[in-house]
């Protein structure tokens, strides 16, 4: 078994790009068509920063907090989107897709994220996880942010 493939272009990444574009345009039909009815949600950050949850539930509009993806990376069925807005806002979104539908969403706000492959094959060969992706918050290099590892 090999590690999940890294790419910036895949069907999954394209679906997530369509989601962000639909959110920008207020196209709720497209957004609803991309999200599973039972979307699993996980958030890391202060409660006041649940920006994407508010947008997806209609509590606020996309104009209230603009998500401008700076990097989009596909790792197998997951798509990692990273963005930063000014000196105090850095976010990472991890979307999981199944058959073109987003089934899981993880949001990290002002948090460094490392994604590692901890599959048994990688573990046996390297005795540690294989780092597949790491945060690159360019504007926050001198800031202290909590760090998390997402094991896949």
N, C-alpha and C. Protein backbone atom coordinates (compact mmCIF):
# COMPACT_ATOMS: atom_id res chain seq x y z
N UNK A 1 0.84 -1.19 0.00
CA UNK A 1 0.00 0.00 0.00
C UNK A 1 0.87 1.24 0.00
N UNK A 2 0.58 2.17 -0.89
CA UNK A 2 1.35 3.39 -0.97
C UNK A 2 0.65 4.52 -0.23
N UNK A 3 1.41 5.54 0.07
CA UNK A 3 0.82 6.73 0.70
C UNK A 3 -0.15 7.37 -0.26
N UNK A 4 -1.16 8.08 0.25
CA UNK A 4 -2.10 8.77 -0.63
C UNK A 4 -1.37 9.76 -1.53
N UNK A 5 -1.82 9.86 -2.75
CA UNK A 5 -1.18 10.74 -3.72
C UNK A 5 -1.47 12.20 -3.37
N UNK A 6 -0.44 13.02 -3.53
CA UNK A 6 -0.59 14.47 -3.35
C UNK A 6 -0.78 15.11 -4.71
N UNK A 7 -1.70 16.04 -4.82
CA UNK A 7 -1.86 16.77 -6.06
C UNK A 7 -2.58 18.07 -5.78
N UNK A 8 -2.51 18.98 -6.72
CA UNK A 8 -3.28 20.21 -6.61
C UNK A 8 -4.46 20.17 -7.56
N UNK A 9 -4.57 19.09 -8.35
CA UNK A 9 -5.67 18.97 -9.29
C UNK A 9 -6.21 17.55 -9.25
N UNK A 10 -7.45 17.40 -8.87
CA UNK A 10 -8.13 16.11 -8.86
C UNK A 10 -9.62 16.40 -8.89
N UNK A 11 -10.41 15.37 -9.10
CA UNK A 11 -11.87 15.57 -9.06
C UNK A 11 -12.31 16.12 -7.72
N UNK A 12 -11.70 15.61 -6.65
CA UNK A 12 -12.06 16.07 -5.31
C UNK A 12 -11.71 17.54 -5.12
N UNK A 13 -10.49 17.92 -5.53
CA UNK A 13 -10.06 19.32 -5.40
C UNK A 13 -10.95 20.23 -6.24
N UNK A 14 -11.31 19.80 -7.42
CA UNK A 14 -12.18 20.61 -8.26
C UNK A 14 -13.55 20.80 -7.62
N UNK A 15 -14.09 19.75 -6.99
CA UNK A 15 -15.38 19.87 -6.30
C UNK A 15 -15.31 20.89 -5.17
N UNK A 16 -14.21 20.88 -4.42
CA UNK A 16 -14.06 21.83 -3.32
C UNK A 16 -13.89 23.25 -3.86
N UNK A 17 -13.17 23.40 -4.96
CA UNK A 17 -13.05 24.74 -5.57
C UNK A 17 -14.42 25.24 -6.01
N UNK A 18 -15.24 24.35 -6.56
CA UNK A 18 -16.60 24.73 -6.95
C UNK A 18 -17.39 25.18 -5.71
N UNK A 19 -17.19 24.49 -4.57
CA UNK A 19 -17.87 24.86 -3.33
C UNK A 19 -17.52 26.29 -2.92
N UNK A 20 -16.24 26.62 -2.89
CA UNK A 20 -15.83 27.97 -2.49
C UNK A 20 -16.38 29.02 -3.46
N UNK A 21 -16.38 28.70 -4.75
CA UNK A 21 -16.92 29.63 -5.74
C UNK A 21 -18.42 29.82 -5.51
N UNK A 22 -19.13 28.73 -5.27
CA UNK A 22 -20.58 28.80 -5.02
C UNK A 22 -20.87 29.62 -3.76
N UNK A 23 -20.04 29.47 -2.74
CA UNK A 23 -20.21 30.26 -1.52
C UNK A 23 -20.01 31.75 -1.81
N UNK A 24 -19.01 32.06 -2.64
CA UNK A 24 -18.73 33.44 -3.00
C UNK A 24 -19.92 34.07 -3.73
N UNK A 25 -20.55 33.28 -4.60
CA UNK A 25 -21.67 33.78 -5.41
C UNK A 25 -23.01 33.65 -4.71
N UNK A 26 -23.05 33.00 -3.55
CA UNK A 26 -24.32 32.79 -2.87
C UNK A 26 -25.19 31.74 -3.53
N UNK A 27 -24.56 30.81 -4.26
CA UNK A 27 -25.29 29.76 -4.97
C UNK A 27 -25.59 28.61 -4.02
N UNK A 28 -26.66 28.72 -3.28
CA UNK A 28 -26.99 27.73 -2.24
C UNK A 28 -27.35 26.37 -2.82
N UNK A 29 -27.89 26.32 -4.05
CA UNK A 29 -28.22 25.03 -4.66
C UNK A 29 -26.96 24.21 -4.91
N UNK A 30 -25.93 24.85 -5.44
CA UNK A 30 -24.67 24.15 -5.69
C UNK A 30 -24.05 23.71 -4.37
N UNK A 31 -24.05 24.58 -3.37
CA UNK A 31 -23.49 24.23 -2.06
C UNK A 31 -24.23 23.02 -1.50
N UNK A 32 -25.54 23.04 -1.50
CA UNK A 32 -26.34 21.94 -0.96
C UNK A 32 -26.08 20.65 -1.72
N UNK A 33 -25.86 20.74 -3.02
CA UNK A 33 -25.59 19.55 -3.82
C UNK A 33 -24.23 18.92 -3.56
N UNK A 34 -23.29 19.70 -3.04
CA UNK A 34 -21.95 19.19 -2.77
C UNK A 34 -21.80 18.61 -1.37
N UNK A 35 -22.69 18.98 -0.44
CA UNK A 35 -22.58 18.56 0.96
C UNK A 35 -23.53 17.41 1.28
N UNK A 36 -23.03 16.42 2.01
CA UNK A 36 -23.88 15.34 2.49
C UNK A 36 -24.88 15.89 3.51
N UNK A 37 -26.06 15.30 3.54
CA UNK A 37 -27.08 15.72 4.51
C UNK A 37 -26.61 15.54 5.94
N UNK A 38 -25.76 14.54 6.16
CA UNK A 38 -25.26 14.24 7.50
C UNK A 38 -23.77 14.59 7.61
N UNK A 39 -23.41 15.75 7.10
CA UNK A 39 -22.02 16.21 7.12
C UNK A 39 -21.44 16.12 8.53
N UNK A 40 -20.32 15.44 8.65
CA UNK A 40 -19.62 15.36 9.94
C UNK A 40 -18.72 16.58 10.05
N UNK A 41 -18.75 17.25 11.21
CA UNK A 41 -18.06 18.52 11.39
C UNK A 41 -17.14 18.46 12.59
N UNK A 42 -15.94 19.03 12.46
CA UNK A 42 -15.00 19.11 13.58
C UNK A 42 -14.32 20.47 13.48
N UNK A 43 -14.19 21.15 14.61
CA UNK A 43 -13.62 22.49 14.62
C UNK A 43 -12.57 22.61 15.71
N UNK A 44 -11.46 23.29 15.41
CA UNK A 44 -10.45 23.60 16.41
C UNK A 44 -10.18 25.10 16.35
N UNK A 45 -10.51 25.77 17.43
CA UNK A 45 -10.30 27.21 17.52
C UNK A 45 -11.29 27.81 18.48
N UNK A 46 -11.25 29.12 18.69
CA UNK A 46 -12.18 29.77 19.61
C UNK A 46 -13.62 29.70 19.06
N UNK A 47 -14.60 29.52 19.93
CA UNK A 47 -16.00 29.42 19.48
C UNK A 47 -16.45 30.62 18.63
N UNK A 48 -15.93 31.79 18.89
CA UNK A 48 -16.34 32.97 18.12
C UNK A 48 -15.87 32.90 16.67
N UNK A 49 -15.04 31.91 16.35
CA UNK A 49 -14.46 31.81 15.00
C UNK A 49 -15.06 30.67 14.17
N UNK A 50 -16.25 30.25 14.47
CA UNK A 50 -16.93 29.21 13.70
C UNK A 50 -17.49 29.82 12.41
N UNK A 51 -16.64 30.46 11.64
CA UNK A 51 -17.09 31.22 10.49
C UNK A 51 -17.73 30.34 9.42
N UNK A 52 -17.09 29.23 9.04
CA UNK A 52 -17.63 28.39 7.98
C UNK A 52 -18.96 27.76 8.41
N UNK A 53 -19.08 27.36 9.67
CA UNK A 53 -20.34 26.79 10.14
C UNK A 53 -21.46 27.81 9.97
N UNK A 54 -21.19 29.05 10.32
CA UNK A 54 -22.22 30.09 10.20
C UNK A 54 -22.60 30.31 8.73
N UNK A 55 -21.61 30.24 7.84
CA UNK A 55 -21.89 30.43 6.42
C UNK A 55 -22.71 29.26 5.88
N UNK A 56 -22.31 28.03 6.20
CA UNK A 56 -23.00 26.86 5.65
C UNK A 56 -24.39 26.67 6.23
N UNK A 57 -24.64 27.15 7.43
CA UNK A 57 -25.96 27.01 8.03
C UNK A 57 -26.86 28.20 7.73
N UNK A 58 -26.31 29.23 7.07
CA UNK A 58 -27.10 30.40 6.72
C UNK A 58 -27.21 31.43 7.82
N UNK A 59 -26.49 31.19 8.94
CA UNK A 59 -26.52 32.15 10.05
C UNK A 59 -25.86 33.47 9.65
N UNK A 60 -24.86 33.38 8.77
CA UNK A 60 -24.22 34.58 8.25
C UNK A 60 -24.01 34.38 6.75
N UNK A 61 -23.64 35.44 6.07
CA UNK A 61 -23.38 35.33 4.64
C UNK A 61 -21.89 35.20 4.40
N UNK A 62 -21.56 34.77 3.20
CA UNK A 62 -20.16 34.65 2.85
C UNK A 62 -19.46 36.00 2.95
N UNK A 63 -20.18 37.08 2.76
CA UNK A 63 -19.60 38.42 2.83
C UNK A 63 -19.16 38.78 4.25
N UNK A 64 -19.74 38.11 5.27
CA UNK A 64 -19.36 38.40 6.65
C UNK A 64 -17.92 37.95 6.94
N UNK A 65 -17.50 36.87 6.32
CA UNK A 65 -16.12 36.40 6.46
C UNK A 65 -15.75 35.74 5.14
N UNK A 66 -14.85 36.32 4.41
CA UNK A 66 -14.50 35.80 3.09
C UNK A 66 -13.38 34.77 3.20
N UNK A 67 -13.68 33.57 2.75
CA UNK A 67 -12.66 32.54 2.68
C UNK A 67 -12.02 32.63 1.30
N UNK A 68 -10.76 33.06 1.28
CA UNK A 68 -10.02 33.16 0.03
C UNK A 68 -8.93 32.08 0.06
N UNK A 69 -9.20 30.94 -0.57
CA UNK A 69 -8.21 29.87 -0.55
C UNK A 69 -6.90 30.33 -1.20
N UNK A 70 -5.80 30.07 -0.50
CA UNK A 70 -4.47 30.39 -1.03
C UNK A 70 -3.80 29.14 -1.60
N UNK A 71 -4.07 27.99 -0.98
CA UNK A 71 -3.52 26.71 -1.43
C UNK A 71 -4.62 25.67 -1.36
N UNK A 72 -4.69 24.82 -2.39
CA UNK A 72 -5.62 23.70 -2.40
C UNK A 72 -4.81 22.46 -2.76
N UNK A 73 -4.82 21.47 -1.86
CA UNK A 73 -4.03 20.26 -2.07
C UNK A 73 -4.91 19.04 -1.86
N UNK A 74 -4.91 18.14 -2.81
CA UNK A 74 -5.66 16.89 -2.69
C UNK A 74 -4.73 15.79 -2.20
N UNK A 75 -5.22 15.03 -1.21
CA UNK A 75 -4.50 13.86 -0.70
C UNK A 75 -5.52 12.74 -0.68
N UNK A 76 -5.53 11.93 -1.72
CA UNK A 76 -6.53 10.88 -1.82
C UNK A 76 -7.92 11.48 -1.88
N UNK A 77 -8.80 11.06 -0.96
CA UNK A 77 -10.18 11.57 -0.94
C UNK A 77 -10.32 12.84 -0.10
N UNK A 78 -9.21 13.36 0.41
CA UNK A 78 -9.25 14.59 1.22
C UNK A 78 -8.70 15.77 0.43
N UNK A 79 -9.24 16.92 0.71
CA UNK A 79 -8.76 18.15 0.08
C UNK A 79 -8.46 19.14 1.20
N UNK A 80 -7.24 19.66 1.20
CA UNK A 80 -6.82 20.61 2.22
C UNK A 80 -6.76 21.99 1.59
N UNK A 81 -7.43 22.94 2.21
CA UNK A 81 -7.49 24.31 1.72
C UNK A 81 -6.96 25.20 2.83
N UNK A 82 -6.07 26.10 2.44
CA UNK A 82 -5.40 26.96 3.42
C UNK A 82 -5.58 28.41 3.01
N UNK A 83 -5.78 29.27 4.01
CA UNK A 83 -5.89 30.69 3.72
C UNK A 83 -5.55 31.54 4.91
N UNK A 84 -5.22 32.77 4.67
CA UNK A 84 -4.95 33.70 5.75
C UNK A 84 -5.47 35.06 5.31
N UNK A 85 -6.02 35.77 6.28
CA UNK A 85 -6.61 37.08 6.03
C UNK A 85 -5.96 38.05 7.01
N UNK A 86 -4.97 38.76 6.58
CA UNK A 86 -4.30 39.73 7.44
C UNK A 86 -3.39 39.06 8.45
N UNK A 87 -3.02 39.80 9.46
CA UNK A 87 -2.02 39.34 10.42
C UNK A 87 -2.57 38.44 11.52
N UNK A 88 -3.89 38.37 11.69
CA UNK A 88 -4.42 37.64 12.84
C UNK A 88 -5.37 36.51 12.49
N UNK A 89 -5.53 36.21 11.22
CA UNK A 89 -6.48 35.17 10.83
C UNK A 89 -5.80 34.18 9.89
N UNK A 90 -5.68 32.95 10.33
CA UNK A 90 -5.11 31.87 9.52
C UNK A 90 -6.03 30.67 9.68
N UNK A 91 -6.40 30.03 8.59
CA UNK A 91 -7.32 28.90 8.67
C UNK A 91 -6.91 27.79 7.71
N UNK A 92 -7.27 26.57 8.10
CA UNK A 92 -7.08 25.39 7.27
C UNK A 92 -8.39 24.62 7.29
N UNK A 93 -8.86 24.23 6.12
CA UNK A 93 -10.06 23.39 6.00
C UNK A 93 -9.64 22.06 5.39
N UNK A 94 -10.13 20.97 5.97
CA UNK A 94 -9.88 19.64 5.43
C UNK A 94 -11.25 19.04 5.10
N UNK A 95 -11.47 18.80 3.82
CA UNK A 95 -12.73 18.25 3.32
C UNK A 95 -12.50 16.80 2.91
N UNK A 96 -13.40 15.91 3.27
CA UNK A 96 -13.34 14.51 2.84
C UNK A 96 -14.53 14.26 1.92
N UNK A 97 -14.25 13.65 0.78
CA UNK A 97 -15.29 13.40 -0.20
C UNK A 97 -15.47 11.91 -0.45
N UNK A 98 -16.69 11.53 -0.74
CA UNK A 98 -17.01 10.16 -1.15
C UNK A 98 -17.98 10.26 -2.31
N UNK A 99 -17.59 9.69 -3.43
CA UNK A 99 -18.42 9.72 -4.64
C UNK A 99 -18.82 11.15 -5.02
N UNK A 100 -17.88 12.10 -4.88
CA UNK A 100 -18.14 13.48 -5.28
C UNK A 100 -18.92 14.31 -4.29
N UNK A 101 -19.27 13.74 -3.13
CA UNK A 101 -20.04 14.45 -2.11
C UNK A 101 -19.15 14.65 -0.88
N UNK A 102 -19.20 15.84 -0.32
CA UNK A 102 -18.41 16.14 0.88
C UNK A 102 -19.11 15.51 2.09
N UNK A 103 -18.41 14.61 2.75
CA UNK A 103 -19.00 13.88 3.89
C UNK A 103 -18.44 14.32 5.23
N UNK A 104 -17.27 14.97 5.21
CA UNK A 104 -16.63 15.37 6.47
C UNK A 104 -15.92 16.70 6.26
N UNK A 105 -15.96 17.53 7.29
CA UNK A 105 -15.30 18.83 7.24
C UNK A 105 -14.58 19.06 8.56
N UNK A 106 -13.32 19.41 8.48
CA UNK A 106 -12.53 19.78 9.65
C UNK A 106 -12.02 21.20 9.44
N UNK A 107 -12.24 22.04 10.43
CA UNK A 107 -11.82 23.44 10.33
C UNK A 107 -10.83 23.74 11.46
N UNK A 108 -9.70 24.30 11.09
CA UNK A 108 -8.67 24.68 12.05
C UNK A 108 -8.47 26.18 11.91
N UNK A 109 -8.65 26.90 13.01
CA UNK A 109 -8.55 28.35 12.99
C UNK A 109 -7.36 28.78 13.83
N UNK A 110 -6.43 29.54 13.22
CA UNK A 110 -5.19 29.96 13.88
C UNK A 110 -4.48 28.78 14.54
N UNK A 111 -4.30 27.73 13.76
CA UNK A 111 -3.66 26.50 14.21
C UNK A 111 -2.73 25.98 13.11
N UNK A 112 -1.49 25.64 13.48
CA UNK A 112 -0.58 24.97 12.54
C UNK A 112 -1.07 23.54 12.40
N UNK A 113 -1.09 23.02 11.20
CA UNK A 113 -1.55 21.65 10.97
C UNK A 113 -0.51 20.87 10.20
N UNK A 114 -0.28 19.64 10.65
CA UNK A 114 0.57 18.69 9.95
C UNK A 114 -0.28 17.47 9.65
N UNK A 115 -0.27 17.02 8.41
CA UNK A 115 -1.02 15.82 8.01
C UNK A 115 -0.01 14.71 7.80
N UNK A 116 -0.22 13.60 8.52
CA UNK A 116 0.72 12.47 8.41
C UNK A 116 -0.01 11.19 8.06
N UNK A 117 0.66 10.37 7.25
CA UNK A 117 0.17 9.04 6.91
C UNK A 117 0.72 8.09 7.97
N UNK A 118 -0.16 7.52 8.77
CA UNK A 118 0.25 6.60 9.82
C UNK A 118 -0.22 5.18 9.51
N UNK A 119 -0.34 4.86 8.21
CA UNK A 119 -0.76 3.51 7.83
C UNK A 119 0.29 2.50 8.30
N UNK A 120 -0.11 1.26 8.55
CA UNK A 120 0.84 0.26 9.04
C UNK A 120 2.06 0.07 8.14
N UNK A 121 1.90 0.16 6.83
CA UNK A 121 3.02 -0.02 5.92
C UNK A 121 4.06 1.08 6.13
N UNK A 122 3.62 2.32 6.19
CA UNK A 122 4.54 3.44 6.41
C UNK A 122 5.20 3.30 7.77
N UNK A 123 4.43 2.93 8.78
CA UNK A 123 4.95 2.79 10.13
C UNK A 123 6.04 1.73 10.20
N UNK A 124 5.83 0.58 9.55
CA UNK A 124 6.82 -0.51 9.56
C UNK A 124 8.12 -0.08 8.89
N UNK A 125 8.03 0.64 7.80
CA UNK A 125 9.21 1.04 7.04
C UNK A 125 9.95 2.18 7.72
N UNK A 126 9.23 3.19 8.19
CA UNK A 126 9.88 4.39 8.70
C UNK A 126 9.87 4.53 10.21
N UNK A 127 9.06 3.76 10.91
CA UNK A 127 8.92 3.85 12.36
C UNK A 127 8.41 5.22 12.81
N UNK A 128 7.85 5.94 11.88
CA UNK A 128 7.21 7.23 12.18
C UNK A 128 6.30 7.55 11.02
N UNK A 129 5.44 8.50 11.20
CA UNK A 129 4.53 8.86 10.13
C UNK A 129 5.22 9.59 9.00
N UNK A 130 4.67 9.48 7.83
CA UNK A 130 5.16 10.19 6.66
C UNK A 130 4.38 11.50 6.56
N UNK A 131 5.07 12.62 6.64
CA UNK A 131 4.41 13.91 6.56
C UNK A 131 3.97 14.15 5.12
N UNK A 132 2.65 14.34 4.95
CA UNK A 132 2.07 14.55 3.63
C UNK A 132 1.83 16.03 3.33
N UNK A 133 1.61 16.81 4.39
CA UNK A 133 1.29 18.23 4.20
C UNK A 133 1.55 18.96 5.51
N UNK A 134 2.00 20.22 5.41
CA UNK A 134 2.18 21.07 6.59
C UNK A 134 1.69 22.46 6.29
N UNK A 135 1.19 23.12 7.31
CA UNK A 135 0.74 24.50 7.19
C UNK A 135 1.87 25.39 6.69
N UNK A 136 1.48 26.39 5.93
CA UNK A 136 2.44 27.38 5.46
C UNK A 136 1.87 28.78 5.65
N UNK A 137 1.59 29.16 6.88
CA UNK A 137 1.00 30.49 7.10
C UNK A 137 2.08 31.57 6.97
N UNK A 138 2.32 32.00 5.76
CA UNK A 138 3.41 32.93 5.47
C UNK A 138 3.39 34.17 6.34
N UNK A 139 2.21 34.70 6.59
CA UNK A 139 2.13 35.93 7.35
C UNK A 139 2.24 35.71 8.86
N UNK A 140 2.32 34.45 9.29
CA UNK A 140 2.33 34.14 10.71
C UNK A 140 3.63 33.46 11.15
N UNK A 141 4.67 33.57 10.37
CA UNK A 141 5.89 32.85 10.68
C UNK A 141 6.48 33.23 12.03
N UNK A 142 6.25 34.43 12.50
CA UNK A 142 6.80 34.87 13.78
C UNK A 142 5.79 34.78 14.92
N UNK A 143 4.64 34.15 14.66
CA UNK A 143 3.58 34.03 15.66
C UNK A 143 3.59 32.65 16.28
N UNK A 144 3.21 32.57 17.52
CA UNK A 144 3.07 31.29 18.18
C UNK A 144 1.64 30.81 18.01
N UNK A 145 1.46 29.69 17.32
CA UNK A 145 0.14 29.10 17.11
C UNK A 145 0.16 27.67 17.61
N UNK A 146 -0.97 27.18 18.14
CA UNK A 146 -1.00 25.77 18.55
C UNK A 146 -0.85 24.88 17.33
N UNK A 147 -0.26 23.72 17.52
CA UNK A 147 -0.06 22.79 16.42
C UNK A 147 -0.79 21.49 16.65
N UNK A 148 -1.34 20.92 15.59
CA UNK A 148 -2.04 19.64 15.66
C UNK A 148 -1.56 18.75 14.53
N UNK A 149 -1.66 17.44 14.74
CA UNK A 149 -1.35 16.46 13.71
C UNK A 149 -2.65 15.76 13.35
N UNK A 150 -2.94 15.72 12.04
CA UNK A 150 -4.07 14.97 11.52
C UNK A 150 -3.52 13.68 10.94
N UNK A 151 -3.83 12.56 11.54
CA UNK A 151 -3.35 11.26 11.08
C UNK A 151 -4.36 10.67 10.12
N UNK A 152 -3.84 10.24 8.95
CA UNK A 152 -4.73 9.59 8.00
C UNK A 152 -4.16 8.25 7.58
